[in-house]
């Protein structure tokens, strides 16, 4: 495991404040909830934790506020086997926050304050040039300023560091950025935003993947929820099914998939086997509550896979 390649994750850190209610409050209404928790989240941090716990050699470029919760999050990330040297505490800023109401049906409404995440500037990225250059892969999402994501991708491309983009939350992206990406991992909604193709079955997924190949992306992995993923390398695609489990909460399932996928790829696994490893990690995560608290450790993933026969 120790001769695996190194990973840099660039992305967001949030404190998720989650309140469970029977129903969402109407304007002017005050309701009492049943269950309140503060869990650490943010797509970047979730993916970094998934990589760290599943065994990757990983450092994380991100920003917290200069507040108590930022300090607590940095400590927690360190205990998840992540090098947090490139995590900056931004003076006078609060750590990113997500305010989440969950109703009796398990639906949620979310409001986000970017806070320190918005301060992950092109200058901060440039200061990490050597770290990105020395890594084997760079994994990013879209909760950080787009110009910083683009700047990091350019540095990675110059130094032959693989660029992996999880294009979430869904939005349109400039071709300039897509042309720098080696591996992209959209879900159906994100794939449609990027390609204009509505992904409802394997044929659609193949068409959407080809649009992304034509923009210069070698490997396209479209996640299809319970149906697994459509994995396409240089135009040759196949569906890799996931594992059937009783899901409790799908928060951070996609993030867990992305982080674990990178661990396996950097250990030299071929794509189908790396996807199977990532599917296993995500399957464990959906049987547990919360974002980072649900992310499994390597031993759990290996045990899960050994039981699959």
C-alpha atoms as a PDB file:
ATOM      1  CA  UNK A   1       0.000   0.000   0.000  1.00  0.00           C
ATOM      2  CA  UNK A   2       2.852   2.397   0.756  1.00  0.00           C
ATOM      3  CA  UNK A   3       4.114   2.562  -2.816  1.00  0.00           C
ATOM      4  CA  UNK A   4       0.762   3.971  -3.936  1.00  0.00           C
ATOM      5  CA  UNK A   5       0.721   7.309  -5.740  1.00  0.00           C
ATOM      6  CA  UNK A   6      -0.004  10.563  -3.943  1.00  0.00           C
ATOM      7  CA  UNK A   7      -3.286  12.446  -4.108  1.00  0.00           C
ATOM      8  CA  UNK A   8      -4.099  16.117  -3.639  1.00  0.00           C
ATOM      9  CA  UNK A   9      -7.743  17.044  -3.054  1.00  0.00           C
ATOM     10  CA  UNK A  10      -8.791  20.671  -3.574  1.00  0.00           C
ATOM     11  CA  UNK A  11     -12.203  21.656  -2.280  1.00  0.00           C
ATOM     12  CA  UNK A  12     -14.686  22.819   0.309  1.00  0.00           C
ATOM     13  CA  UNK A  13     -15.110  22.387   4.048  1.00  0.00           C
ATOM     14  CA  UNK A  14     -18.515  22.902   5.715  1.00  0.00           C
ATOM     15  CA  UNK A  15     -20.026  22.380   9.110  1.00  0.00           C
ATOM     16  CA  UNK A  16     -23.430  20.785   8.426  1.00  0.00           C
ATOM     17  CA  UNK A  17     -26.138  21.795  10.920  1.00  0.00           C
ATOM     18  CA  UNK A  18     -28.864  19.169  10.474  1.00  0.00           C
ATOM     19  CA  UNK A  19     -32.315  19.404  12.067  1.00  0.00           C
ATOM     20  CA  UNK A  20     -34.968  16.701  11.642  1.00  0.00           C
ATOM     21  CA  UNK A  21     -38.593  17.948  11.588  1.00  0.00           C
ATOM     22  CA  UNK A  22     -41.944  16.312  10.756  1.00  0.00           C
ATOM     23  CA  UNK A  23     -42.537  18.946   8.061  1.00  0.00           C
ATOM     24  CA  UNK A  24     -40.701  21.999   6.709  1.00  0.00           C
ATOM     25  CA  UNK A  25     -41.723  25.257   8.451  1.00  0.00           C
ATOM     26  CA  UNK A  26     -43.882  27.644   6.423  1.00  0.00           C
ATOM     27  CA  UNK A  27     -42.925  31.359   6.310  1.00  0.00           C
ATOM     28  CA  UNK A  28     -43.508  32.866   9.763  1.00  0.00           C
ATOM     29  CA  UNK A  29     -43.916  29.443  11.397  1.00  0.00           C
ATOM     30  CA  UNK A  30     -41.722  28.037  14.179  1.00  0.00           C
ATOM     31  CA  UNK A  31     -41.532  24.254  14.559  1.00  0.00           C
ATOM     32  CA  UNK A  32     -39.724  22.138  17.116  1.00  0.00           C
ATOM     33  CA  UNK A  33     -37.434  19.464  15.679  1.00  0.00           C
ATOM     34  CA  UNK A  34     -36.590  16.031  17.075  1.00  0.00           C
ATOM     35  CA  UNK A  35     -32.961  15.494  16.295  1.00  0.00           C
ATOM     36  CA  UNK A  36     -30.158  18.040  15.834  1.00  0.00           C
ATOM     37  CA  UNK A  37     -26.562  17.319  14.938  1.00  0.00           C
ATOM     38  CA  UNK A  38     -23.523  19.186  13.699  1.00  0.00           C
ATOM     39  CA  UNK A  39     -21.601  16.963  11.296  1.00  0.00           C
ATOM     40  CA  UNK A  40     -18.546  17.867   9.241  1.00  0.00           C
ATOM     41  CA  UNK A  41     -19.219  18.027   5.505  1.00  0.00           C
ATOM     42  CA  UNK A  42     -18.431  19.899   2.305  1.00  0.00           C
ATOM     43  CA  UNK A  43     -17.766  17.914  -0.873  1.00  0.00           C
ATOM     44  CA  UNK A  44     -14.018  18.497  -0.790  1.00  0.00           C
ATOM     45  CA  UNK A  45     -13.626  17.402   2.817  1.00  0.00           C
ATOM     46  CA  UNK A  46     -15.963  14.411   2.361  1.00  0.00           C
ATOM     47  CA  UNK A  47     -13.895  13.174  -0.595  1.00  0.00           C
ATOM     48  CA  UNK A  48     -10.626  13.804   1.242  1.00  0.00           C
ATOM     49  CA  UNK A  49     -11.901  11.817   4.248  1.00  0.00           C
ATOM     50  CA  UNK A  50     -13.021   8.945   1.979  1.00  0.00           C
ATOM     51  CA  UNK A  51      -9.566   8.849   0.387  1.00  0.00           C
ATOM     52  CA  UNK A  52      -7.754   9.132   3.731  1.00  0.00           C
ATOM     53  CA  UNK A  53      -9.789   6.442   5.484  1.00  0.00           C
ATOM     54  CA  UNK A  54      -9.591   4.060   2.532  1.00  0.00           C
ATOM     55  CA  UNK A  55      -5.793   4.254   2.522  1.00  0.00           C
ATOM     56  CA  UNK A  56      -4.683   7.011   0.124  1.00  0.00           C
ATOM     57  CA  UNK A  57      -1.551   9.098   0.622  1.00  0.00           C
ATOM     58  CA  UNK A  58      -3.384  12.418   0.592  1.00  0.00           C
ATOM     59  CA  UNK A  59      -3.101  16.144   1.287  1.00  0.00           C
ATOM     60  CA  UNK A  60      -5.990  18.616   1.173  1.00  0.00           C
ATOM     61  CA  UNK A  61      -6.000  22.202  -0.163  1.00  0.00           C
ATOM     62  CA  UNK A  62      -8.885  24.070   1.468  1.00  0.00           C
ATOM     63  CA  UNK A  63      -9.880  26.981   3.715  1.00  0.00           C
ATOM     64  CA  UNK A  64     -11.566  27.214   7.098  1.00  0.00           C
ATOM     65  CA  UNK A  65     -12.450  30.290   9.091  1.00  0.00           C
ATOM     66  CA  UNK A  66     -10.282  31.356  12.025  1.00  0.00           C
ATOM     67  CA  UNK A  67     -13.000  30.026  14.327  1.00  0.00           C
ATOM     68  CA  UNK A  68     -13.374  27.216  16.841  1.00  0.00           C
ATOM     69  CA  UNK A  69     -15.174  24.877  14.435  1.00  0.00           C
ATOM     70  CA  UNK A  70     -12.444  25.354  11.816  1.00  0.00           C
ATOM     71  CA  UNK A  71      -9.878  24.258  14.378  1.00  0.00           C
ATOM     72  CA  UNK A  72     -11.986  21.214  15.319  1.00  0.00           C
ATOM     73  CA  UNK A  73     -12.388  20.242  11.662  1.00  0.00           C
ATOM     74  CA  UNK A  74      -8.631  20.443  11.010  1.00  0.00           C
ATOM     75  CA  UNK A  75      -7.988  18.151  14.007  1.00  0.00           C
ATOM     76  CA  UNK A  76     -10.607  15.686  12.786  1.00  0.00           C
ATOM     77  CA  UNK A  77      -9.171  15.640   9.243  1.00  0.00           C
ATOM     78  CA  UNK A  78      -5.718  14.885  10.657  1.00  0.00           C
ATOM     79  CA  UNK A  79      -7.136  11.870  12.505  1.00  0.00           C
ATOM     80  CA  UNK A  80      -8.601  10.716   9.152  1.00  0.00           C
ATOM     81  CA  UNK A  81      -5.036  10.317   7.779  1.00  0.00           C
ATOM     82  CA  UNK A  82      -5.066  13.590   5.812  1.00  0.00           C
ATOM     83  CA  UNK A  83      -2.146  16.023   5.570  1.00  0.00           C
ATOM     84  CA  UNK A  84      -3.807  19.347   6.445  1.00  0.00           C
ATOM     85  CA  UNK A  85      -0.689  21.523   6.009  1.00  0.00           C
ATOM     86  CA  UNK A  86      -2.315  23.186   2.934  1.00  0.00           C
ATOM     87  CA  UNK A  87      -5.559  23.992   4.812  1.00  0.00           C
ATOM     88  CA  UNK A  88      -5.544  27.780   5.432  1.00  0.00           C
ATOM     89  CA  UNK A  89      -7.381  29.469   8.314  1.00  0.00           C
ATOM     90  CA  UNK A  90      -8.729  32.724   6.840  1.00  0.00           C
ATOM     91  CA  UNK A  91      -8.643  35.692   9.241  1.00  0.00           C
ATOM     92  CA  UNK A  92     -12.024  37.274   9.912  1.00  0.00           C
ATOM     93  CA  UNK A  93     -13.951  34.581   8.000  1.00  0.00           C
ATOM     94  CA  UNK A  94     -16.289  31.902   9.305  1.00  0.00           C
ATOM     95  CA  UNK A  95     -15.938  28.277   8.275  1.00  0.00           C
ATOM     96  CA  UNK A  96     -18.429  27.290   5.557  1.00  0.00           C
ATOM     97  CA  UNK A  97     -21.869  26.319   6.850  1.00  0.00           C
ATOM     98  CA  UNK A  98     -24.734  24.235   5.498  1.00  0.00           C
ATOM     99  CA  UNK A  99     -28.089  24.624   7.261  1.00  0.00           C
ATOM    100  CA  UNK A 100     -30.087  21.471   6.542  1.00  0.00           C
ATOM    101  CA  UNK A 101     -33.726  20.733   7.401  1.00  0.00           C
ATOM    102  CA  UNK A 102     -34.781  17.101   6.916  1.00  0.00           C
ATOM    103  CA  UNK A 103     -38.524  16.301   6.906  1.00  0.00           C
ATOM    104  CA  UNK A 104     -40.394  13.113   7.845  1.00  0.00           C
ATOM    105  CA  UNK A 105     -40.067  11.758   4.280  1.00  0.00           C
ATOM    106  CA  UNK A 106     -36.283  12.126   4.363  1.00  0.00           C
ATOM    107  CA  UNK A 107     -36.349  15.045   1.908  1.00  0.00           C
ATOM    108  CA  UNK A 108     -34.066  17.969   2.681  1.00  0.00           C
ATOM    109  CA  UNK A 109     -33.804  21.699   2.050  1.00  0.00           C
ATOM    110  CA  UNK A 110     -30.347  23.235   2.351  1.00  0.00           C
ATOM    111  CA  UNK A 111     -28.978  26.748   2.604  1.00  0.00           C
ATOM    112  CA  UNK A 112     -25.217  27.233   2.313  1.00  0.00           C
ATOM    113  CA  UNK A 113     -22.925  30.048   3.452  1.00  0.00           C
ATOM    114  CA  UNK A 114     -19.653  29.638   1.525  1.00  0.00           C
ATOM    115  CA  UNK A 115     -17.684  31.490   4.208  1.00  0.00           C
ATOM    116  CA  UNK A 116     -13.981  30.710   4.004  1.00  0.00           C
ATOM    117  CA  UNK A 117     -14.517  28.411   0.980  1.00  0.00           C
ATOM    118  CA  UNK A 118     -14.924  31.535  -1.174  1.00  0.00           C
ATOM    119  CA  UNK A 119     -11.411  32.606  -0.098  1.00  0.00           C
ATOM    120  CA  UNK A 120      -9.737  29.644  -1.843  1.00  0.00           C
ATOM    121  CA  UNK A 121      -8.206  32.040  -4.355  1.00  0.00           C
ATOM    122  CA  UNK A 122      -5.999  31.621  -7.424  1.00  0.00           C
ATOM    123  CA  UNK A 123      -3.147  33.007  -5.256  1.00  0.00           C
ATOM    124  CA  UNK A 124      -3.634  30.274  -2.638  1.00  0.00           C
ATOM    125  CA  UNK A 125      -3.642  27.665  -5.425  1.00  0.00           C
ATOM    126  CA  UNK A 126      -0.426  29.107  -6.873  1.00  0.00           C
ATOM    127  CA  UNK A 127       1.200  28.849  -3.440  1.00  0.00           C
ATOM    128  CA  UNK A 128       0.546  25.074  -3.584  1.00  0.00           C
ATOM    129  CA  UNK A 129       2.085  24.629  -7.048  1.00  0.00           C
ATOM    130  CA  UNK A 130       4.861  22.288  -5.866  1.00  0.00           C
ATOM    131  CA  UNK A 131       2.398  20.078  -3.974  1.00  0.00           C
ATOM    132  CA  UNK A 132       0.161  19.742  -7.044  1.00  0.00           C
ATOM    133  CA  UNK A 133       3.181  19.190  -9.325  1.00  0.00           C
ATOM    134  CA  UNK A 134       4.591  16.420  -7.116  1.00  0.00           C
ATOM    135  CA  UNK A 135       1.262  14.564  -6.808  1.00  0.00           C
ATOM    136  CA  UNK A 136       0.104  11.743  -9.080  1.00  0.00           C
ATOM    137  CA  UNK A 137      -3.495  12.988  -9.122  1.00  0.00           C
ATOM    138  CA  UNK A 138      -5.559  16.073  -8.258  1.00  0.00           C
ATOM    139  CA  UNK A 139      -9.230  15.588  -7.297  1.00  0.00           C
ATOM    140  CA  UNK A 140     -11.597  18.600  -7.345  1.00  0.00           C
ATOM    141  CA  UNK A 141     -15.299  19.493  -7.171  1.00  0.00           C
ATOM    142  CA  UNK A 142     -17.261  22.702  -7.820  1.00  0.00           C
ATOM    143  CA  UNK A 143     -17.860  24.152  -4.322  1.00  0.00           C
ATOM    144  CA  UNK A 144     -14.670  26.236  -4.714  1.00  0.00           C
ATOM    145  CA  UNK A 145     -14.269  29.340  -6.947  1.00  0.00           C
ATOM    146  CA  UNK A 146     -14.220  28.185 -10.585  1.00  0.00           C
ATOM    147  CA  UNK A 147     -11.162  30.281 -11.471  1.00  0.00           C
ATOM    148  CA  UNK A 148      -9.216  28.471  -8.724  1.00  0.00           C
ATOM    149  CA  UNK A 149     -10.316  25.053  -9.988  1.00  0.00           C
ATOM    150  CA  UNK A 150      -9.140  26.087 -13.467  1.00  0.00           C
ATOM    151  CA  UNK A 151      -5.806  27.417 -12.122  1.00  0.00           C
ATOM    152  CA  UNK A 152      -5.150  24.144 -10.266  1.00  0.00           C
ATOM    153  CA  UNK A 153      -6.036  22.090 -13.361  1.00  0.00           C
ATOM    154  CA  UNK A 154      -3.555  24.118 -15.437  1.00  0.00           C
ATOM    155  CA  UNK A 155      -0.748  23.535 -12.908  1.00  0.00           C
ATOM    156  CA  UNK A 156      -1.558  19.808 -12.809  1.00  0.00           C
ATOM    157  CA  UNK A 157      -1.564  19.512 -16.613  1.00  0.00           C
ATOM    158  CA  UNK A 158       1.845  21.248 -16.874  1.00  0.00           C
ATOM    159  CA  UNK A 159       3.365  18.716 -14.468  1.00  0.00           C
ATOM    160  CA  UNK A 160       1.643  15.514 -15.720  1.00  0.00           C
ATOM    161  CA  UNK A 161      -0.526  15.257 -12.598  1.00  0.00           C
ATOM    162  CA  UNK A 162      -3.827  13.508 -13.484  1.00  0.00           C
ATOM    163  CA  UNK A 163      -6.818  15.869 -13.192  1.00  0.00           C
ATOM    164  CA  UNK A 164      -9.960  14.281 -11.762  1.00  0.00           C
ATOM    165  CA  UNK A 165     -13.133  16.389 -11.609  1.00  0.00           C
ATOM    166  CA  UNK A 166     -16.349  15.551  -9.786  1.00  0.00           C
ATOM    167  CA  UNK A 167     -18.496  18.267 -11.447  1.00  0.00           C
ATOM    168  CA  UNK A 168     -20.814  18.822  -8.468  1.00  0.00           C
ATOM    169  CA  UNK A 169     -22.969  20.721  -7.704  1.00  0.00           C
ATOM    170  CA  UNK A 170     -24.339  20.650 -11.262  1.00  0.00           C
ATOM    171  CA  UNK A 171     -23.477  23.597 -13.517  1.00  0.00           C
ATOM    172  CA  UNK A 172     -22.253  24.318 -17.005  1.00  0.00           C
ATOM    173  CA  UNK A 173     -18.477  24.400 -17.393  1.00  0.00           C
ATOM    174  CA  UNK A 174     -16.179  26.092 -19.910  1.00  0.00           C
ATOM    175  CA  UNK A 175     -14.552  23.835 -22.517  1.00  0.00           C
ATOM    176  CA  UNK A 176     -11.212  25.308 -21.418  1.00  0.00           C
ATOM    177  CA  UNK A 177     -11.572  23.495 -18.084  1.00  0.00           C
ATOM    178  CA  UNK A 178     -13.014  20.264 -19.525  1.00  0.00           C
ATOM    179  CA  UNK A 179     -10.080  20.010 -21.959  1.00  0.00           C
ATOM    180  CA  UNK A 180      -7.704  19.804 -18.949  1.00  0.00           C
ATOM    181  CA  UNK A 181      -9.609  16.954 -17.241  1.00  0.00           C
ATOM    182  CA  UNK A 182      -8.414  13.319 -17.452  1.00  0.00           C
ATOM    183  CA  UNK A 183     -11.227  11.663 -15.459  1.00  0.00           C
ATOM    184  CA  UNK A 184     -14.710  13.120 -14.862  1.00  0.00           C
ATOM    185  CA  UNK A 185     -17.344  11.659 -12.519  1.00  0.00           C
ATOM    186  CA  UNK A 186     -20.753  13.335 -13.023  1.00  0.00           C
ATOM    187  CA  UNK A 187     -24.113  11.948 -11.889  1.00  0.00           C
ATOM    188  CA  UNK A 188     -27.030  11.922 -14.366  1.00  0.00           C
ATOM    189  CA  UNK A 189     -28.071  15.532 -13.603  1.00  0.00           C
ATOM    190  CA  UNK A 190     -24.505  16.835 -13.883  1.00  0.00           C
ATOM    191  CA  UNK A 191     -23.895  14.858 -17.091  1.00  0.00           C
ATOM    192  CA  UNK A 192     -26.988  16.440 -18.657  1.00  0.00           C
ATOM    193  CA  UNK A 193     -25.831  19.943 -17.603  1.00  0.00           C
ATOM    194  CA  UNK A 194     -22.449  19.334 -19.270  1.00  0.00           C
ATOM    195  CA  UNK A 195     -23.617  17.571 -22.440  1.00  0.00           C
ATOM    196  CA  UNK A 196     -27.280  18.430 -23.036  1.00  0.00           C
ATOM    197  CA  UNK A 197     -28.027  14.670 -23.097  1.00  0.00           C
ATOM    198  CA  UNK A 198     -30.753  13.435 -20.717  1.00  0.00           C
ATOM    199  CA  UNK A 199     -29.340  10.272 -19.126  1.00  0.00           C
ATOM    200  CA  UNK A 200     -32.130   7.741 -18.511  1.00  0.00           C
ATOM    201  CA  UNK A 201     -30.488   4.482 -19.613  1.00  0.00           C
ATOM    202  CA  UNK A 202     -27.173   2.959 -20.697  1.00  0.00           C
ATOM    203  CA  UNK A 203     -27.557   4.160 -24.314  1.00  0.00           C
ATOM    204  CA  UNK A 204     -28.000   7.761 -23.142  1.00  0.00           C
ATOM    205  CA  UNK A 205     -25.016   7.377 -20.819  1.00  0.00           C
ATOM    206  CA  UNK A 206     -22.856   6.180 -23.725  1.00  0.00           C
ATOM    207  CA  UNK A 207     -23.924   9.185 -25.833  1.00  0.00           C
ATOM    208  CA  UNK A 208     -23.257  11.646 -22.992  1.00  0.00           C
ATOM    209  CA  UNK A 209     -19.868  10.016 -22.333  1.00  0.00           C
ATOM    210  CA  UNK A 210     -18.929  10.433 -26.007  1.00  0.00           C
ATOM    211  CA  UNK A 211     -19.755  14.175 -25.859  1.00  0.00           C
ATOM    212  CA  UNK A 212     -17.327  14.467 -22.931  1.00  0.00           C
ATOM    213  CA  UNK A 213     -14.666  12.367 -24.720  1.00  0.00           C
ATOM    214  CA  UNK A 214     -14.995  14.768 -27.664  1.00  0.00           C
ATOM    215  CA  UNK A 215     -14.187  17.657 -25.290  1.00  0.00           C
ATOM    216  CA  UNK A 216     -10.869  15.945 -24.515  1.00  0.00           C
ATOM    217  CA  UNK A 217     -11.692  13.813 -21.461  1.00  0.00           C
ATOM    218  CA  UNK A 218     -10.196  10.312 -21.619  1.00  0.00           C
ATOM    219  CA  UNK A 219     -12.188   8.586 -18.839  1.00  0.00           C
ATOM    220  CA  UNK A 220     -15.868   9.298 -18.120  1.00  0.00           C
ATOM    221  CA  UNK A 221     -17.620   7.709 -15.128  1.00  0.00           C
ATOM    222  CA  UNK A 222     -21.324   8.611 -14.924  1.00  0.00           C
ATOM    223  CA  UNK A 223     -22.838   7.573 -11.598  1.00  0.00           C
ATOM    224  CA  UNK A 224     -26.367   6.166 -11.976  1.00  0.00           C
ATOM    225  CA  UNK A 225     -27.507   5.827  -8.346  1.00  0.00           C
ATOM    226  CA  UNK A 226     -28.703   2.298  -7.553  1.00  0.00           C
ATOM    227  CA  UNK A 227     -27.868   1.136 -11.102  1.00  0.00           C
ATOM    228  CA  UNK A 228     -24.130   1.583 -10.547  1.00  0.00           C
ATOM    229  CA  UNK A 229     -22.023   3.575 -12.996  1.00  0.00           C
ATOM    230  CA  UNK A 230     -21.406   3.892 -16.724  1.00  0.00           C
ATOM    231  CA  UNK A 231     -17.636   3.752 -17.195  1.00  0.00           C
ATOM    232  CA  UNK A 232     -16.199   4.774 -20.551  1.00  0.00           C
ATOM    233  CA  UNK A 233     -12.502   4.833 -21.479  1.00  0.00           C
ATOM    234  CA  UNK A 234     -11.625   6.405 -24.845  1.00  0.00           C
ATOM    235  CA  UNK A 235     -15.123   5.668 -26.138  1.00  0.00           C
ATOM    236  CA  UNK A 236     -15.448   2.074 -24.925  1.00  0.00           C
ATOM    237  CA  UNK A 237     -18.141   1.900 -22.244  1.00  0.00           C
ATOM    238  CA  UNK A 238     -19.694  -0.615 -19.855  1.00  0.00           C
ATOM    239  CA  UNK A 239     -22.042  -0.454 -16.899  1.00  0.00           C
ATOM    240  CA  UNK A 240     -20.480  -1.534 -13.612  1.00  0.00           C
ATOM    241  CA  UNK A 241     -23.309  -2.367 -11.178  1.00  0.00           C
ATOM    242  CA  UNK A 242     -23.145  -1.396  -7.503  1.00  0.00           C
ATOM    243  CA  UNK A 243     -24.008  -3.470  -4.428  1.00  0.00           C
ATOM    244  CA  UNK A 244     -27.554  -3.849  -3.080  1.00  0.00           C
ATOM    245  CA  UNK A 245     -27.819  -2.592   0.516  1.00  0.00           C
ATOM    246  CA  UNK A 246     -30.568  -1.135   2.710  1.00  0.00           C
ATOM    247  CA  UNK A 247     -29.921   2.618   2.439  1.00  0.00           C
ATOM    248  CA  UNK A 248     -30.590   4.828   5.473  1.00  0.00           C
ATOM    249  CA  UNK A 249     -29.150   8.128   4.263  1.00  0.00           C
ATOM    250  CA  UNK A 250     -27.434   8.863   0.947  1.00  0.00           C
ATOM    251  CA  UNK A 251     -25.609  12.022   2.171  1.00  0.00           C
ATOM    252  CA  UNK A 252     -21.987  11.843   0.905  1.00  0.00           C
ATOM    253  CA  UNK A 253     -22.446   8.558  -1.004  1.00  0.00           C
ATOM    254  CA  UNK A 254     -21.081  10.144  -4.196  1.00  0.00           C
ATOM    255  CA  UNK A 255     -18.233  11.787  -2.280  1.00  0.00           C
ATOM    256  CA  UNK A 256     -17.304   8.449  -0.686  1.00  0.00           C
ATOM    257  CA  UNK A 257     -17.303   6.849  -4.159  1.00  0.00           C
ATOM    258  CA  UNK A 258     -14.961   9.528  -5.535  1.00  0.00           C
ATOM    259  CA  UNK A 259     -12.475   9.393  -2.663  1.00  0.00           C
ATOM    260  CA  UNK A 260     -12.292   5.590  -2.602  1.00  0.00           C
ATOM    261  CA  UNK A 261     -12.035   5.426  -6.406  1.00  0.00           C
ATOM    262  CA  UNK A 262      -8.880   7.557  -6.260  1.00  0.00           C
ATOM    263  CA  UNK A 263      -7.354   5.324  -3.572  1.00  0.00           C
ATOM    264  CA  UNK A 264      -7.779   2.238  -5.747  1.00  0.00           C
ATOM    265  CA  UNK A 265      -6.583   3.921  -8.964  1.00  0.00           C
ATOM    266  CA  UNK A 266      -3.463   5.261  -7.217  1.00  0.00           C
ATOM    267  CA  UNK A 267      -2.748   1.726  -5.961  1.00  0.00           C
ATOM    268  CA  UNK A 268      -2.627   0.697  -9.622  1.00  0.00           C
ATOM    269  CA  UNK A 269      -5.982  -1.062  -9.935  1.00  0.00           C
ATOM    270  CA  UNK A 270      -7.613  -1.260 -13.381  1.00  0.00           C
ATOM    271  CA  UNK A 271     -10.738   0.890 -13.728  1.00  0.00           C
ATOM    272  CA  UNK A 272     -13.417  -1.851 -13.281  1.00  0.00           C
ATOM    273  CA  UNK A 273     -11.755  -3.116 -10.090  1.00  0.00           C
ATOM    274  CA  UNK A 274     -11.250   0.432  -8.780  1.00  0.00           C
ATOM    275  CA  UNK A 275     -14.956   1.145  -9.395  1.00  0.00           C
ATOM    276  CA  UNK A 276     -15.927  -2.038  -7.521  1.00  0.00           C
ATOM    277  CA  UNK A 277     -13.830  -0.878  -4.538  1.00  0.00           C
ATOM    278  CA  UNK A 278     -15.496   2.569  -4.689  1.00  0.00           C
ATOM    279  CA  UNK A 279     -18.964   0.977  -4.956  1.00  0.00           C
ATOM    280  CA  UNK A 280     -18.217  -1.032  -1.801  1.00  0.00           C
ATOM    281  CA  UNK A 281     -17.175   2.101   0.123  1.00  0.00           C
ATOM    282  CA  UNK A 282     -20.313   3.967  -0.990  1.00  0.00           C
ATOM    283  CA  UNK A 283     -22.536   0.973  -0.152  1.00  0.00           C
ATOM    284  CA  UNK A 284     -21.257   0.997   3.434  1.00  0.00           C
ATOM    285  CA  UNK A 285     -21.688   4.793   3.674  1.00  0.00           C
ATOM    286  CA  UNK A 286     -25.396   4.773   2.723  1.00  0.00           C
ATOM    287  CA  UNK A 287     -26.179   2.380   5.583  1.00  0.00           C
ATOM    288  CA  UNK A 288     -25.036   5.062   8.068  1.00  0.00           C
ATOM    289  CA  UNK A 289     -26.217   8.584   8.981  1.00  0.00           C
ATOM    290  CA  UNK A 290     -24.455  11.858   8.140  1.00  0.00           C
ATOM    291  CA  UNK A 291     -21.651  12.863   5.779  1.00  0.00           C
ATOM    292  CA  UNK A 292     -18.185  12.175   7.199  1.00  0.00           C
ATOM    293  CA  UNK A 293     -19.401   9.982  10.107  1.00  0.00           C
ATOM    294  CA  UNK A 294     -20.689   7.495   7.487  1.00  0.00           C
ATOM    295  CA  UNK A 295     -17.399   7.132   5.564  1.00  0.00           C
ATOM    296  CA  UNK A 296     -15.832   3.663   6.020  1.00  0.00           C
ATOM    297  CA  UNK A 297     -12.222   2.727   6.819  1.00  0.00           C
ATOM    298  CA  UNK A 298     -10.091   0.457   4.605  1.00  0.00           C
ATOM    299  CA  UNK A 299     -10.540  -2.617   6.804  1.00  0.00           C
ATOM    300  CA  UNK A 300     -14.351  -2.304   6.504  1.00  0.00           C
ATOM    301  CA  UNK A 301     -14.214  -1.969   2.713  1.00  0.00           C
ATOM    302  CA  UNK A 302     -11.912  -5.001   2.335  1.00  0.00           C
ATOM    303  CA  UNK A 303     -14.182  -7.055   4.624  1.00  0.00           C
ATOM    304  CA  UNK A 304     -17.288  -6.003   2.680  1.00  0.00           C
ATOM    305  CA  UNK A 305     -15.654  -7.034  -0.621  1.00  0.00           C
ATOM    306  CA  UNK A 306     -14.462 -10.369   0.767  1.00  0.00           C
ATOM    307  CA  UNK A 307     -18.085 -11.211   1.641  1.00  0.00           C
ATOM    308  CA  UNK A 308     -19.255 -10.554  -1.926  1.00  0.00           C
ATOM    309  CA  UNK A 309     -17.574 -13.696  -3.277  1.00  0.00           C
END
